Amino acid sequence: MTRHHTPRTDAGLQPERTSLAWQRTAISFVAASLLFLRWGQQHGQIVALVVVVSALVATWIFFHARIRLKRIGRLFPAPGLDPATTEVLVVTGSTVALAAAALWVTLG
């Protein structure tokens, strides 16, 4: 049996899906940080700092993803697009910091 391969004509859906995934990541990050409000009475300033920093990181991720989508939309599917290294490092570092803060708040 012979399979016929037709070229994909994804004129921009892949970058749009990627941008939406980054936006969901930003929203999830804010939601996770809001869970800290439970310990607001015990660790007031630290909880406030975690929520504010998380909101700033999430805002950066959200808007940076939109800017990246516009840039990639003009170039896609051209080869040589830069990977989202900065975004991945920011999200990874922020997630590790959020997890460490969660451990400190819940166990401390």
PDB file of N, CA and C in Angstrom:
ATOM      1  N   MET A   1       0.844  -1.157   0.000  1.00  0.00           N
ATOM      2  CA  MET A   1       0.000   0.000   0.000  1.00  0.00           C
ATOM      3  C   MET A   1       0.900   1.233   0.000  1.00  0.00           C
ATOM      4  N   THR A   2       0.622   2.144  -0.887  1.00  0.00           N
ATOM      5  CA  THR A   2       1.410   3.366  -1.010  1.00  0.00           C
ATOM      6  C   THR A   2       0.694   4.504  -0.295  1.00  0.00           C
ATOM      7  N   ARG A   3       1.445   5.191   0.521  1.00  0.00           N
ATOM      8  CA  ARG A   3       0.887   6.360   1.197  1.00  0.00           C
ATOM      9  C   ARG A   3       1.282   7.607   0.430  1.00  0.00           C
ATOM     10  N   HIS A   4       0.335   8.471   0.282  1.00  0.00           N
ATOM     11  CA  HIS A   4       0.612   9.743  -0.369  1.00  0.00           C
ATOM     12  C   HIS A   4       0.808  10.794   0.718  1.00  0.00           C
ATOM     13  N   HIS A   5       1.940  11.417   0.681  1.00  0.00           N
ATOM     14  CA  HIS A   5       2.231  12.464   1.649  1.00  0.00           C
ATOM     15  C   HIS A   5       1.941  13.809   1.018  1.00  0.00           C
ATOM     16  N   THR A   6       1.094  14.541   1.662  1.00  0.00           N
ATOM     17  CA  THR A   6       0.818  15.885   1.182  1.00  0.00           C
ATOM     18  C   THR A   6       1.524  16.867   2.101  1.00  0.00           C
ATOM     19  N   PRO A   7       2.099  17.870   1.525  1.00  0.00           N
ATOM     20  CA  PRO A   7       2.800  18.837   2.374  1.00  0.00           C
ATOM     21  C   PRO A   7       1.818  19.580   3.270  1.00  0.00           C
ATOM     22  N   ARG A   8       2.271  19.847   4.467  1.00  0.00           N
ATOM     23  CA  ARG A   8       1.434  20.608   5.389  1.00  0.00           C
ATOM     24  C   ARG A   8       1.469  22.079   4.998  1.00  0.00           C
ATOM     25  N   THR A   9       0.341  22.665   5.073  1.00  0.00           N
ATOM     26  CA  THR A   9       0.247  24.092   4.758  1.00  0.00           C
ATOM     27  C   THR A   9      -0.216  24.834   5.999  1.00  0.00           C
ATOM     28  N   ASP A  10       0.564  24.727   7.020  1.00  0.00           N
ATOM     29  CA  ASP A  10       0.278  25.382   8.294  1.00  0.00           C
ATOM     30  C   ASP A  10       0.853  26.793   8.211  1.00  0.00           C
ATOM     31  N   ALA A  11       0.026  27.731   7.822  1.00  0.00           N
ATOM     32  CA  ALA A  11       0.500  29.098   7.576  1.00  0.00           C
ATOM     33  C   ALA A  11       0.705  29.896   8.852  1.00  0.00           C
ATOM     34  N   GLY A  12       0.514  29.317   9.989  1.00  0.00           N
ATOM     35  CA  GLY A  12       0.726  30.067  11.207  1.00  0.00           C
ATOM     36  C   GLY A  12       0.049  29.466  12.412  1.00  0.00           C
ATOM     37  N   LEU A  13      -0.559  28.306  12.243  1.00  0.00           N
ATOM     38  CA  LEU A  13      -1.255  27.704  13.363  1.00  0.00           C
ATOM     39  C   LEU A  13      -0.294  27.192  14.431  1.00  0.00           C
ATOM     40  N   GLN A  14       0.842  26.660  14.018  1.00  0.00           N
ATOM     41  CA  GLN A  14       1.804  26.164  15.002  1.00  0.00           C
ATOM     42  C   GLN A  14       2.319  27.292  15.896  1.00  0.00           C
ATOM     43  N   PRO A  15       2.720  28.443  15.342  1.00  0.00           N
ATOM     44  CA  PRO A  15       3.128  29.531  16.231  1.00  0.00           C
ATOM     45  C   PRO A  15       1.988  30.006  17.132  1.00  0.00           C
ATOM     46  N   GLU A  16       0.770  29.985  16.626  1.00  0.00           N
ATOM     47  CA  GLU A  16      -0.381  30.398  17.435  1.00  0.00           C
ATOM     48  C   GLU A  16      -0.591  29.427  18.596  1.00  0.00           C
ATOM     49  N   ARG A  17      -0.483  28.125  18.327  1.00  0.00           N
ATOM     50  CA  ARG A  17      -0.616  27.130  19.401  1.00  0.00           C
ATOM     51  C   ARG A  17       0.480  27.300  20.443  1.00  0.00           C
ATOM     52  N   THR A  18       1.694  27.568  19.982  1.00  0.00           N
ATOM     53  CA  THR A  18       2.800  27.768  20.904  1.00  0.00           C
ATOM     54  C   THR A  18       2.567  29.002  21.769  1.00  0.00           C
ATOM     55  N   SER A  19       2.100  30.070  21.160  1.00  0.00           N
ATOM     56  CA  SER A  19       1.808  31.288  21.912  1.00  0.00           C
ATOM     57  C   SER A  19       0.721  31.047  22.948  1.00  0.00           C
ATOM     58  N   LEU A  20      -0.300  30.308  22.569  1.00  0.00           N
ATOM     59  CA  LEU A  20      -1.370  29.991  23.515  1.00  0.00           C
ATOM     60  C   LEU A  20      -0.847  29.132  24.667  1.00  0.00           C
ATOM     61  N   ALA A  21       0.073  28.232  24.379  1.00  0.00           N
ATOM     62  CA  ALA A  21       0.662  27.412  25.444  1.00  0.00           C
ATOM     63  C   ALA A  21       1.448  28.286  26.423  1.00  0.00           C
ATOM     64  N   TRP A  22       2.194  29.260  25.908  1.00  0.00           N
ATOM     65  CA  TRP A  22       2.920  30.173  26.787  1.00  0.00           C
ATOM     66  C   TRP A  22       1.951  30.996  27.625  1.00  0.00           C
ATOM     67  N   GLN A  23       0.839  31.413  27.025  1.00  0.00           N
ATOM     68  CA  GLN A  23      -0.149  32.183  27.780  1.00  0.00           C
ATOM     69  C   GLN A  23      -0.785  31.338  28.879  1.00  0.00           C
ATOM     70  N   ARG A  24      -1.075  30.078  28.579  1.00  0.00           N
ATOM     71  CA  ARG A  24      -1.603  29.182  29.618  1.00  0.00           C
ATOM     72  C   ARG A  24      -0.579  28.975  30.729  1.00  0.00           C
ATOM     73  N   THR A  25       0.689  28.923  30.370  1.00  0.00           N
ATOM     74  CA  THR A  25       1.741  28.803  31.372  1.00  0.00           C
ATOM     75  C   THR A  25       1.736  30.015  32.292  1.00  0.00           C
ATOM     76  N   ALA A  26       1.596  31.194  31.723  1.00  0.00           N
ATOM     77  CA  ALA A  26       1.558  32.423  32.527  1.00  0.00           C
ATOM     78  C   ALA A  26       0.364  32.426  33.467  1.00  0.00           C
ATOM     79  N   ILE A  27      -0.786  32.033  32.966  1.00  0.00           N
ATOM     80  CA  ILE A  27      -1.994  31.998  33.799  1.00  0.00           C
ATOM     81  C   ILE A  27      -1.844  30.964  34.908  1.00  0.00           C
ATOM     82  N   SER A  28      -1.284  29.811  34.589  1.00  0.00           N
ATOM     83  CA  SER A  28      -1.063  28.770  35.599  1.00  0.00           C
ATOM     84  C   SER A  28      -0.089  29.237  36.666  1.00  0.00           C
ATOM     85  N   PHE A  29       0.906  29.996  36.251  1.00  0.00           N
ATOM     86  CA  PHE A  29       1.890  30.507  37.198  1.00  0.00           C
ATOM     87  C   PHE A  29       1.222  31.447  38.199  1.00  0.00           C
ATOM     88  N   VAL A  30       0.349  32.322  37.715  1.00  0.00           N
ATOM     89  CA  VAL A  30      -0.379  33.228  38.612  1.00  0.00           C
ATOM     90  C   VAL A  30      -1.293  32.423  39.534  1.00  0.00           C
ATOM     91  N   ALA A  31      -1.991  31.450  38.982  1.00  0.00           N
ATOM     92  CA  ALA A  31      -2.902  30.634  39.796  1.00  0.00           C
ATOM     93  C   ALA A  31      -2.134  29.911  40.909  1.00  0.00           C
ATOM     94  N   ALA A  32      -0.983  29.361  40.568  1.00  0.00           N
ATOM     95  CA  ALA A  32      -0.177  28.667  41.582  1.00  0.00           C
ATOM     96  C   ALA A  32       0.301  29.643  42.657  1.00  0.00           C
ATOM     97  N   SER A  33       0.680  30.841  42.246  1.00  0.00           N
ATOM     98  CA  SER A  33       1.158  31.804  43.241  1.00  0.00           C
ATOM     99  C   SER A  33       0.029  32.286  44.144  1.00  0.00           C
ATOM    100  N   LEU A  34      -1.187  32.327  43.623  1.00  0.00           N
ATOM    101  CA  LEU A  34      -2.314  32.761  44.449  1.00  0.00           C
ATOM    102  C   LEU A  34      -2.636  31.755  45.557  1.00  0.00           C
ATOM    103  N   LEU A  35      -2.205  30.517  45.394  1.00  0.00           N
ATOM    104  CA  LEU A  35      -2.389  29.534  46.458  1.00  0.00           C
ATOM    105  C   LEU A  35      -1.627  29.926  47.728  1.00  0.00           C
ATOM    106  N   PHE A  36      -0.615  30.769  47.557  1.00  0.00           N
ATOM    107  CA  PHE A  36       0.153  31.241  48.704  1.00  0.00           C
ATOM    108  C   PHE A  36      -0.682  32.129  49.627  1.00  0.00           C
ATOM    109  N   LEU A  37      -1.764  32.685  49.126  1.00  0.00           N
ATOM    110  CA  LEU A  37      -2.585  33.568  49.955  1.00  0.00           C
ATOM    111  C   LEU A  37      -3.125  32.856  51.185  1.00  0.00           C
ATOM    112  N   ARG A  38      -3.169  31.551  51.111  1.00  0.00           N
ATOM    113  CA  ARG A  38      -3.614  30.759  52.257  1.00  0.00           C
ATOM    114  C   ARG A  38      -2.724  30.994  53.474  1.00  0.00           C
ATOM    115  N   TRP A  39      -1.446  31.251  53.243  1.00  0.00           N
ATOM    116  CA  TRP A  39      -0.490  31.461  54.326  1.00  0.00           C
ATOM    117  C   TRP A  39      -0.180  32.949  54.536  1.00  0.00           C
ATOM    118  N   GLY A  40      -1.023  33.811  54.016  1.00  0.00           N
ATOM    119  CA  GLY A  40      -0.799  35.246  54.128  1.00  0.00           C
ATOM    120  C   GLY A  40      -0.758  35.761  55.552  1.00  0.00           C
ATOM    121  N   GLN A  41      -1.571  35.198  56.428  1.00  0.00           N
ATOM    122  CA  GLN A  41      -1.594  35.644  57.823  1.00  0.00           C
ATOM    123  C   GLN A  41      -0.302  35.294  58.551  1.00  0.00           C
ATOM    124  N   GLN A  42       0.262  34.137  58.243  1.00  0.00           N
ATOM    125  CA  GLN A  42       1.465  33.675  58.940  1.00  0.00           C
ATOM    126  C   GLN A  42       2.747  34.279  58.374  1.00  0.00           C
ATOM    127  N   HIS A  43       2.795  34.447  57.060  1.00  0.00           N
ATOM    128  CA  HIS A  43       4.020  34.891  56.379  1.00  0.00           C
ATOM    129  C   HIS A  43       3.724  36.098  55.490  1.00  0.00           C
ATOM    130  N   GLY A  44       3.040  37.073  56.006  1.00  0.00           N
ATOM    131  CA  GLY A  44       2.524  38.211  55.248  1.00  0.00           C
ATOM    132  C   GLY A  44       3.404  38.774  54.156  1.00  0.00           C
ATOM    133  N   GLN A  45       4.574  39.309  54.507  1.00  0.00           N
ATOM    134  CA  GLN A  45       5.394  39.989  53.508  1.00  0.00           C
ATOM    135  C   GLN A  45       5.993  39.024  52.496  1.00  0.00           C
ATOM    136  N   ILE A  46       6.351  37.846  52.934  1.00  0.00           N
ATOM    137  CA  ILE A  46       6.918  36.864  52.002  1.00  0.00           C
ATOM    138  C   ILE A  46       5.866  36.420  50.996  1.00  0.00           C
ATOM    139  N   VAL A  47       4.654  36.174  51.471  1.00  0.00           N
ATOM    140  CA  VAL A  47       3.568  35.774  50.569  1.00  0.00           C
ATOM    141  C   VAL A  47       3.269  36.898  49.577  1.00  0.00           C
ATOM    142  N   ALA A  48       3.231  38.127  50.061  1.00  0.00           N
ATOM    143  CA  ALA A  48       2.990  39.262  49.169  1.00  0.00           C
ATOM    144  C   ALA A  48       4.090  39.362  48.113  1.00  0.00           C
ATOM    145  N   LEU A  49       5.329  39.161  48.523  1.00  0.00           N
ATOM    146  CA  LEU A  49       6.449  39.201  47.585  1.00  0.00           C
ATOM    147  C   LEU A  49       6.333  38.097  46.534  1.00  0.00           C
ATOM    148  N   VAL A  50       5.994  36.888  46.968  1.00  0.00           N
ATOM    149  CA  VAL A  50       5.844  35.769  46.029  1.00  0.00           C
ATOM    150  C   VAL A  50       4.744  36.072  45.012  1.00  0.00           C
ATOM    151  N   VAL A  51       3.616  36.575  45.470  1.00  0.00           N
ATOM    152  CA  VAL A  51       2.493  36.860  44.569  1.00  0.00           C
ATOM    153  C   VAL A  51       2.860  37.977  43.600  1.00  0.00           C
ATOM    154  N   VAL A  52       3.495  39.039  44.080  1.00  0.00           N
ATOM    155  CA  VAL A  52       3.853  40.161  43.215  1.00  0.00           C
ATOM    156  C   VAL A  52       4.899  39.747  42.186  1.00  0.00           C
ATOM    157  N   VAL A  53       5.941  39.050  42.629  1.00  0.00           N
ATOM    158  CA  VAL A  53       6.986  38.608  41.690  1.00  0.00           C
ATOM    159  C   VAL A  53       6.402  37.633  40.671  1.00  0.00           C
ATOM    160  N   SER A  54       5.544  36.732  41.117  1.00  0.00           N
ATOM    161  CA  SER A  54       4.905  35.790  40.193  1.00  0.00           C
ATOM    162  C   SER A  54       4.036  36.517  39.180  1.00  0.00           C
ATOM    163  N   ALA A  55       3.325  37.525  39.630  1.00  0.00           N
ATOM    164  CA  ALA A  55       2.490  38.299  38.706  1.00  0.00           C
ATOM    165  C   ALA A  55       3.349  39.038  37.681  1.00  0.00           C
ATOM    166  N   LEU A  56       4.487  39.566  38.120  1.00  0.00           N
ATOM    167  CA  LEU A  56       5.392  40.242  37.184  1.00  0.00           C
ATOM    168  C   LEU A  56       5.978  39.269  36.164  1.00  0.00           C
ATOM    169  N   VAL A  57       6.401  38.112  36.638  1.00  0.00           N
ATOM    170  CA  VAL A  57       6.947  37.095  35.724  1.00  0.00           C
ATOM    171  C   VAL A  57       5.874  36.640  34.742  1.00  0.00           C
ATOM    172  N   ALA A  58       4.673  36.384  35.237  1.00  0.00           N
ATOM    173  CA  ALA A  58       3.582  35.942  34.366  1.00  0.00           C
ATOM    174  C   ALA A  58       3.233  37.013  33.338  1.00  0.00           C
ATOM    175  N   THR A  59       3.241  38.268  33.747  1.00  0.00           N
ATOM    176  CA  THR A  59       2.963  39.360  32.809  1.00  0.00           C
ATOM    177  C   THR A  59       4.034  39.426  31.738  1.00  0.00           C
ATOM    178  N   TRP A  60       5.287  39.267  32.151  1.00  0.00           N
ATOM    179  CA  TRP A  60       6.374  39.259  31.171  1.00  0.00           C
ATOM    180  C   TRP A  60       6.210  38.106  30.189  1.00  0.00           C
ATOM    181  N   ILE A  61       5.922  36.915  30.716  1.00  0.00           N
ATOM    182  CA  ILE A  61       5.743  35.738  29.857  1.00  0.00           C
ATOM    183  C   ILE A  61       4.603  35.977  28.874  1.00  0.00           C
ATOM    184  N   PHE A  62       3.480  36.471  29.373  1.00  0.00           N
ATOM    185  CA  PHE A  62       2.292  36.680  28.549  1.00  0.00           C
ATOM    186  C   PHE A  62       2.588  37.634  27.394  1.00  0.00           C
ATOM    187  N   PHE A  63       3.141  38.799  27.700  1.00  0.00           N
ATOM    188  CA  PHE A  63       3.374  39.787  26.657  1.00  0.00           C
ATOM    189  C   PHE A  63       4.560  39.424  25.773  1.00  0.00           C
ATOM    190  N   HIS A  64       5.562  38.804  26.348  1.00  0.00           N
ATOM    191  CA  HIS A  64       6.700  38.381  25.538  1.00  0.00           C
ATOM    192  C   HIS A  64       6.269  37.310  24.527  1.00  0.00           C
ATOM    193  N   ALA A  65       5.371  36.431  24.929  1.00  0.00           N
ATOM    194  CA  ALA A  65       4.855  35.409  24.016  1.00  0.00           C
ATOM    195  C   ALA A  65       4.087  36.055  22.867  1.00  0.00           C
ATOM    196  N   ARG A  66       3.323  37.098  23.155  1.00  0.00           N
ATOM    197  CA  ARG A  66       2.575  37.795  22.103  1.00  0.00           C
ATOM    198  C   ARG A  66       3.531  38.464  21.122  1.00  0.00           C
ATOM    199  N   ILE A  67       4.567  39.101  21.645  1.00  0.00           N
ATOM    200  CA  ILE A  67       5.548  39.761  20.777  1.00  0.00           C
ATOM    201  C   ILE A  67       6.265  38.728  19.924  1.00  0.00           C
ATOM    202  N   ARG A  68       6.628  37.618  20.548  1.00  0.00           N
ATOM    203  CA  ARG A  68       7.312  36.546  19.812  1.00  0.00           C
ATOM    204  C   ARG A  68       6.419  35.975  18.720  1.00  0.00           C
ATOM    205  N   LEU A  69       5.133  35.812  19.005  1.00  0.00           N
ATOM    206  CA  LEU A  69       4.208  35.293  17.999  1.00  0.00           C
ATOM    207  C   LEU A  69       4.164  36.214  16.784  1.00  0.00           C
ATOM    208  N   LYS A  70       4.109  37.494  17.012  1.00  0.00           N
ATOM    209  CA  LYS A  70       4.079  38.433  15.875  1.00  0.00           C
ATOM    210  C   LYS A  70       5.351  38.325  15.042  1.00  0.00           C
ATOM    211  N   ARG A  71       6.486  38.203  15.727  1.00  0.00           N
ATOM    212  CA  ARG A  71       7.763  38.091  15.013  1.00  0.00           C
ATOM    213  C   ARG A  71       7.850  36.781  14.252  1.00  0.00           C
ATOM    214  N   ILE A  72       7.465  35.695  14.901  1.00  0.00           N
ATOM    215  CA  ILE A  72       7.530  34.384  14.251  1.00  0.00           C
ATOM    216  C   ILE A  72       6.504  34.296  13.129  1.00  0.00           C
ATOM    217  N   GLY A  73       5.342  34.908  13.327  1.00  0.00           N
ATOM    218  CA  GLY A  73       4.311  34.871  12.291  1.00  0.00           C
ATOM    219  C   GLY A  73       4.797  35.418  10.968  1.00  0.00           C
ATOM    220  N   ARG A  74       5.700  36.388  11.027  1.00  0.00           N
ATOM    221  CA  ARG A  74       6.252  36.947   9.782  1.00  0.00           C
ATOM    222  C   ARG A  74       7.273  36.006   9.155  1.00  0.00           C
ATOM    223  N   LEU A  75       7.953  35.213   9.959  1.00  0.00           N
ATOM    224  CA  LEU A  75       9.044  34.380   9.460  1.00  0.00           C
ATOM    225  C   LEU A  75       8.666  32.930   9.224  1.00  0.00           C
ATOM    226  N   PHE A  76       7.618  32.438   9.895  1.00  0.00           N
ATOM    227  CA  PHE A  76       7.249  31.023   9.846  1.00  0.00           C
ATOM    228  C   PHE A  76       6.861  30.626   8.437  1.00  0.00           C
ATOM    229  N   PRO A  77       7.223  29.506   7.923  1.00  0.00           N
ATOM    230  CA  PRO A  77       8.028  28.412   8.459  1.00  0.00           C
ATOM    231  C   PRO A  77       9.480  28.487   8.037  1.00  0.00           C
ATOM    232  N   ALA A  78      10.032  29.668   7.897  1.00  0.00           N
ATOM    233  CA  ALA A  78      11.428  29.815   7.479  1.00  0.00           C
ATOM    234  C   ALA A  78      12.370  29.152   8.479  1.00  0.00           C
ATOM    235  N   PRO A  79      13.433  28.551   8.001  1.00  0.00           N
ATOM    236  CA  PRO A  79      14.399  27.942   8.925  1.00  0.00           C
ATOM    237  C   PRO A  79      15.190  29.022   9.654  1.00  0.00           C
ATOM    238  N   GLY A  80      15.780  28.637  10.753  1.00  0.00           N
ATOM    239  CA  GLY A  80      16.653  29.540  11.465  1.00  0.00           C
ATOM    240  C   GLY A  80      15.978  30.374  12.533  1.00  0.00           C
ATOM    241  N   LEU A  81      14.753  30.022  12.921  1.00  0.00           N
ATOM    242  CA  LEU A  81      14.105  30.755  14.000  1.00  0.00           C
ATOM    243  C   LEU A  81      14.804  30.440  15.310  1.00  0.00           C
ATOM    244  N   ASP A  82      15.018  31.454  16.100  1.00  0.00           N
ATOM    245  CA  ASP A  82      15.689  31.257  17.386  1.00  0.00           C
ATOM    246  C   ASP A  82      14.776  30.517  18.350  1.00  0.00           C
ATOM    247  N   PRO A  83      15.322  29.564  19.095  1.00  0.00           N
ATOM    248  CA  PRO A  83      14.510  28.889  20.113  1.00  0.00           C
ATOM    249  C   PRO A  83      14.199  29.861  21.251  1.00  0.00           C
ATOM    250  N   ALA A  84      13.190  29.546  22.011  1.00  0.00           N
ATOM    251  CA  ALA A  84      12.744  30.406  23.110  1.00  0.00           C
ATOM    252  C   ALA A  84      13.567  30.138  24.370  1.00  0.00           C
ATOM    253  N   THR A  85      14.876  30.229  24.253  1.00  0.00           N
ATOM    254  CA  THR A  85      15.768  29.897  25.361  1.00  0.00           C
ATOM    255  C   THR A  85      15.532  30.792  26.570  1.00  0.00           C
ATOM    256  N   THR A  86      15.426  32.083  26.348  1.00  0.00           N
ATOM    257  CA  THR A  86      15.219  33.014  27.464  1.00  0.00           C
ATOM    258  C   THR A  86      13.926  32.713  28.192  1.00  0.00           C
ATOM    259  N   GLU A  87      12.862  32.492  27.433  1.00  0.00           N
ATOM    260  CA  GLU A  87      11.570  32.212  28.031  1.00  0.00           C
ATOM    261  C   GLU A  87      11.614  30.926  28.850  1.00  0.00           C
ATOM    262  N   VAL A  88      12.246  29.907  28.297  1.00  0.00           N
ATOM    263  CA  VAL A  88      12.330  28.626  28.999  1.00  0.00           C
ATOM    264  C   VAL A  88      13.135  28.779  30.291  1.00  0.00           C
ATOM    265  N   LEU A  89      14.229  29.505  30.233  1.00  0.00           N
ATOM    266  CA  LEU A  89      15.038  29.713  31.435  1.00  0.00           C
ATOM    267  C   LEU A  89      14.281  30.518  32.494  1.00  0.00           C
ATOM    268  N   VAL A  90      13.554  31.541  32.074  1.00  0.00           N
ATOM    269  CA  VAL A  90      12.774  32.345  33.027  1.00  0.00           C
ATOM    270  C   VAL A  90      11.689  31.497  33.673  1.00  0.00           C
ATOM    271  N   VAL A  91      10.964  30.734  32.870  1.00  0.00           N
ATOM    272  CA  VAL A  91       9.886  29.906  33.408  1.00  0.00           C
ATOM    273  C   VAL A  91      10.451  28.822  34.321  1.00  0.00           C
ATOM    274  N   THR A  92      11.529  28.187  33.919  1.00  0.00           N
ATOM    275  CA  THR A  92      12.134  27.144  34.741  1.00  0.00           C
ATOM    276  C   THR A  92      12.641  27.700  36.065  1.00  0.00           C
ATOM    277  N   GLY A  93      13.386  28.784  35.995  1.00  0.00           N
ATOM    278  CA  GLY A  93      13.899  29.396  37.220  1.00  0.00           C
ATOM    279  C   GLY A  93      12.785  29.879  38.136  1.00  0.00           C
ATOM    280  N   SER A  94      11.757  30.476  37.554  1.00  0.00           N
ATOM    281  CA  SER A  94      10.637  30.966  38.351  1.00  0.00           C
ATOM    282  C   SER A  94       9.856  29.815  38.975  1.00  0.00           C
ATOM    283  N   THR A  95       9.710  28.738  38.249  1.00  0.00           N
ATOM    284  CA  THR A  95       8.998  27.579  38.779  1.00  0.00           C
ATOM    285  C   THR A  95       9.773  26.950  39.928  1.00  0.00           C
ATOM    286  N   VAL A  96      11.082  26.838  39.775  1.00  0.00           N
ATOM    287  CA  VAL A  96      11.908  26.294  40.856  1.00  0.00           C
ATOM    288  C   VAL A  96      11.833  27.206  42.081  1.00  0.00           C
ATOM    289  N   ALA A  97      11.894  28.522  41.876  1.00  0.00           N
ATOM    290  CA  ALA A  97      11.803  29.466  42.990  1.00  0.00           C
ATOM    291  C   ALA A  97      10.430  29.395  43.656  1.00  0.00           C
ATOM    292  N   LEU A  98       9.387  29.264  42.855  1.00  0.00           N
ATOM    293  CA  LEU A  98       8.038  29.151  43.409  1.00  0.00           C
ATOM    294  C   LEU A  98       7.889  27.858  44.210  1.00  0.00           C
ATOM    295  N   ALA A  99       8.464  26.777  43.699  1.00  0.00           N
ATOM    296  CA  ALA A  99       8.407  25.502  44.426  1.00  0.00           C
ATOM    297  C   ALA A  99       9.194  25.576  45.730  1.00  0.00           C
ATOM    298  N   ALA A 100      10.345  26.223  45.703  1.00  0.00           N
ATOM    299  CA  ALA A 100      11.143  26.374  46.924  1.00  0.00           C
ATOM    300  C   ALA A 100      10.397  27.218  47.941  1.00  0.00           C
ATOM    301  N   ALA A 101       9.768  28.290  47.482  1.00  0.00           N
ATOM    302  CA  ALA A 101       8.968  29.128  48.391  1.00  0.00           C
ATOM    303  C   ALA A 101       7.803  28.352  48.960  1.00  0.00           C
ATOM    304  N   ALA A 102       7.181  27.502  48.138  1.00  0.00           N
ATOM    305  CA  ALA A 102       6.067  26.690  48.620  1.00  0.00           C
ATOM    306  C   ALA A 102       6.525  25.723  49.704  1.00  0.00           C
ATOM    307  N   LEU A 103       7.663  25.096  49.487  1.00  0.00           N
ATOM    308  CA  LEU A 103       8.206  24.188  50.503  1.00  0.00           C
ATOM    309  C   LEU A 103       8.526  24.942  51.786  1.00  0.00           C
ATOM    310  N   TRP A 104       9.148  26.110  51.654  1.00  0.00           N
ATOM    311  CA  TRP A 104       9.513  26.885  52.830  1.00  0.00           C
ATOM    312  C   TRP A 104       8.281  27.329  53.618  1.00  0.00           C
ATOM    313  N   VAL A 105       7.253  27.795  52.894  1.00  0.00           N
ATOM    314  CA  VAL A 105       6.043  28.293  53.558  1.00  0.00           C
ATOM    315  C   VAL A 105       5.259  27.147  54.223  1.00  0.00           C
ATOM    316  N   THR A 106       5.149  26.036  53.525  1.00  0.00           N
ATOM    317  CA  THR A 106       4.331  24.937  54.074  1.00  0.00           C
ATOM    318  C   THR A 106       5.049  24.156  55.160  1.00  0.00           C
ATOM    319  N   LEU A 107       6.355  24.020  55.051  1.00  0.00           N
ATOM    320  CA  LEU A 107       7.098  23.239  56.040  1.00  0.00           C
ATOM    321  C   LEU A 107       7.682  24.093  57.158  1.00  0.00           C
ATOM    322  N   GLY A 108       7.752  25.400  56.930  1.00  0.00           N
ATOM    323  CA  GLY A 108       8.411  26.275  57.896  1.00  0.00           C
ATOM    324  C   GLY A 108       7.565  26.839  58.951  1.00  0.00           C
TER     325      GLY A 108
END
